[in-house]
Amino acid sequence: MTSDMYDADESVAAIKPDGSLTQTAKDILRICEPPATEEDIARGLVRHFSQVQPMVRDMLHLGLLEDAEGRLALTTLAREKLSV
């Protein structure tokens, strides 16, 4: 049941139960190439900044994004996930 909730709401989960990225996570990673700020991500997704913050936090904890001089950059893991 919990996994169904994550599939239905991509605004929080970055990785699906099968290990693949959600569409929202892919969009965020594409925006972060080159490295971007949370404001850049919010503009790129056309979402309010407050909606972007939890998604970015999630992706930082999962090792998909890292801080690069005050901007968010892709990690090696993120590049691997995007190329699948």
C-alpha atoms as a PDB file:
ATOM      1  CA  MET A   1       0.000   0.000   0.000  1.00  0.00           C
ATOM      2  CA  THR A   2       2.771   2.446   0.863  1.00  0.00           C
ATOM      3  CA  SER A   3       4.556   1.866  -2.448  1.00  0.00           C
ATOM      4  CA  ASP A   4       1.290   2.624  -4.266  1.00  0.00           C
ATOM      5  CA  MET A   5       1.155   5.966  -2.509  1.00  0.00           C
ATOM      6  CA  TYR A   6       4.672   6.813  -3.633  1.00  0.00           C
ATOM      7  CA  ASP A   7       3.920   5.829  -7.217  1.00  0.00           C
ATOM      8  CA  ALA A   8       0.876   8.076  -7.197  1.00  0.00           C
ATOM      9  CA  ASP A   9       2.697  11.069  -5.706  1.00  0.00           C
ATOM     10  CA  GLU A  10       6.005  11.737  -7.406  1.00  0.00           C
ATOM     11  CA  SER A  11       6.360  15.047  -5.594  1.00  0.00           C
ATOM     12  CA  VAL A  12       8.160  13.292  -2.726  1.00  0.00           C
ATOM     13  CA  ALA A  13       9.627   9.980  -3.865  1.00  0.00           C
ATOM     14  CA  ALA A  14      12.617  10.075  -6.211  1.00  0.00           C
ATOM     15  CA  ILE A  15      13.042   6.346  -6.726  1.00  0.00           C
ATOM     16  CA  LYS A  16      10.282   3.894  -7.578  1.00  0.00           C
ATOM     17  CA  PRO A  17      10.069   0.512  -5.802  1.00  0.00           C
ATOM     18  CA  ASP A  18      11.718  -1.123  -8.843  1.00  0.00           C
ATOM     19  CA  GLY A  19      14.785   1.125  -8.395  1.00  0.00           C
ATOM     20  CA  SER A  20      14.138   3.387 -11.375  1.00  0.00           C
ATOM     21  CA  LEU A  21      13.781   7.159 -11.103  1.00  0.00           C
ATOM     22  CA  THR A  22      10.416   8.880 -11.087  1.00  0.00           C
ATOM     23  CA  GLN A  23       9.774  11.350 -13.898  1.00  0.00           C
ATOM     24  CA  THR A  24      10.039  14.237 -11.430  1.00  0.00           C
ATOM     25  CA  ALA A  25      13.455  13.013 -10.268  1.00  0.00           C
ATOM     26  CA  LYS A  26      14.636  12.754 -13.888  1.00  0.00           C
ATOM     27  CA  ASP A  27      13.421  16.300 -14.532  1.00  0.00           C
ATOM     28  CA  ILE A  28      15.272  17.620 -11.472  1.00  0.00           C
ATOM     29  CA  LEU A  29      18.485  15.868 -12.479  1.00  0.00           C
ATOM     30  CA  ARG A  30      18.280  17.236 -16.022  1.00  0.00           C
ATOM     31  CA  ILE A  31      17.819  20.756 -14.629  1.00  0.00           C
ATOM     32  CA  CYS A  32      20.941  20.240 -12.465  1.00  0.00           C
ATOM     33  CA  GLU A  33      23.160  19.715 -15.500  1.00  0.00           C
ATOM     34  CA  PRO A  34      24.933  22.150 -15.293  1.00  0.00           C
ATOM     35  CA  PRO A  35      24.706  22.616 -11.490  1.00  0.00           C
ATOM     36  CA  ALA A  36      21.657  24.641 -10.445  1.00  0.00           C
ATOM     37  CA  THR A  37      20.121  26.283  -7.392  1.00  0.00           C
ATOM     38  CA  GLU A  38      16.839  25.250  -5.772  1.00  0.00           C
ATOM     39  CA  GLU A  39      15.331  28.385  -7.323  1.00  0.00           C
ATOM     40  CA  ASP A  40      16.474  27.221 -10.784  1.00  0.00           C
ATOM     41  CA  ILE A  41      14.844  23.845 -10.143  1.00  0.00           C
ATOM     42  CA  ALA A  42      11.577  25.459  -9.009  1.00  0.00           C
ATOM     43  CA  ARG A  43      11.491  27.594 -12.163  1.00  0.00           C
ATOM     44  CA  GLY A  44      12.341  24.623 -14.376  1.00  0.00           C
ATOM     45  CA  LEU A  45       9.614  22.468 -12.838  1.00  0.00           C
ATOM     46  CA  VAL A  46       7.146  25.368 -12.667  1.00  0.00           C
ATOM     47  CA  ARG A  47       6.540  24.546  -9.003  1.00  0.00           C
ATOM     48  CA  HIS A  48       6.613  26.617  -5.853  1.00  0.00           C
ATOM     49  CA  PHE A  49       9.954  26.682  -4.037  1.00  0.00           C
ATOM     50  CA  SER A  50       8.361  25.036  -0.973  1.00  0.00           C
ATOM     51  CA  GLN A  51       7.427  22.006  -3.108  1.00  0.00           C
ATOM     52  CA  VAL A  52      10.962  21.670  -4.462  1.00  0.00           C
ATOM     53  CA  GLN A  53      12.824  21.739  -1.131  1.00  0.00           C
ATOM     54  CA  PRO A  54      11.635  18.319   0.149  1.00  0.00           C
ATOM     55  CA  MET A  55      12.351  16.697  -3.215  1.00  0.00           C
ATOM     56  CA  VAL A  56      15.872  18.119  -3.279  1.00  0.00           C
ATOM     57  CA  ARG A  57      16.484  17.058   0.338  1.00  0.00           C
ATOM     58  CA  ASP A  58      15.360  13.540  -0.574  1.00  0.00           C
ATOM     59  CA  MET A  59      17.683  13.424  -3.554  1.00  0.00           C
ATOM     60  CA  LEU A  60      20.630  14.690  -1.491  1.00  0.00           C
ATOM     61  CA  HIS A  61      20.030  11.934   1.102  1.00  0.00           C
ATOM     62  CA  LEU A  62      19.756   9.315  -1.650  1.00  0.00           C
ATOM     63  CA  GLY A  63      23.101  10.410  -3.095  1.00  0.00           C
ATOM     64  CA  LEU A  64      21.655  11.638  -6.397  1.00  0.00           C
ATOM     65  CA  LEU A  65      22.622  15.279  -5.851  1.00  0.00           C
ATOM     66  CA  GLU A  66      25.542  16.932  -4.092  1.00  0.00           C
ATOM     67  CA  ASP A  67      26.474  20.480  -3.151  1.00  0.00           C
ATOM     68  CA  ALA A  68      28.919  22.067  -5.583  1.00  0.00           C
ATOM     69  CA  GLU A  69      29.834  25.573  -4.449  1.00  0.00           C
ATOM     70  CA  GLY A  70      26.286  26.446  -3.416  1.00  0.00           C
ATOM     71  CA  ARG A  71      24.654  24.744  -6.387  1.00  0.00           C
ATOM     72  CA  LEU A  72      23.219  21.259  -6.774  1.00  0.00           C
ATOM     73  CA  ALA A  73      25.149  18.931  -9.048  1.00  0.00           C
ATOM     74  CA  LEU A  74      24.656  15.381 -10.275  1.00  0.00           C
ATOM     75  CA  THR A  75      26.550  12.572  -8.594  1.00  0.00           C
ATOM     76  CA  THR A  76      27.978   9.544 -10.360  1.00  0.00           C
ATOM     77  CA  LEU A  77      24.962   7.559  -9.138  1.00  0.00           C
ATOM     78  CA  ALA A  78      22.587  10.109 -10.679  1.00  0.00           C
ATOM     79  CA  ARG A  79      24.401   9.911 -14.023  1.00  0.00           C
ATOM     80  CA  GLU A  80      24.174   6.111 -13.930  1.00  0.00           C
ATOM     81  CA  LYS A  81      20.444   6.209 -13.099  1.00  0.00           C
ATOM     82  CA  LEU A  82      19.766   8.691 -15.910  1.00  0.00           C
ATOM     83  CA  SER A  83      21.573   6.577 -18.483  1.00  0.00           C
ATOM     84  CA  VAL A  84      19.478   3.465 -17.765  1.00  0.00           C
END
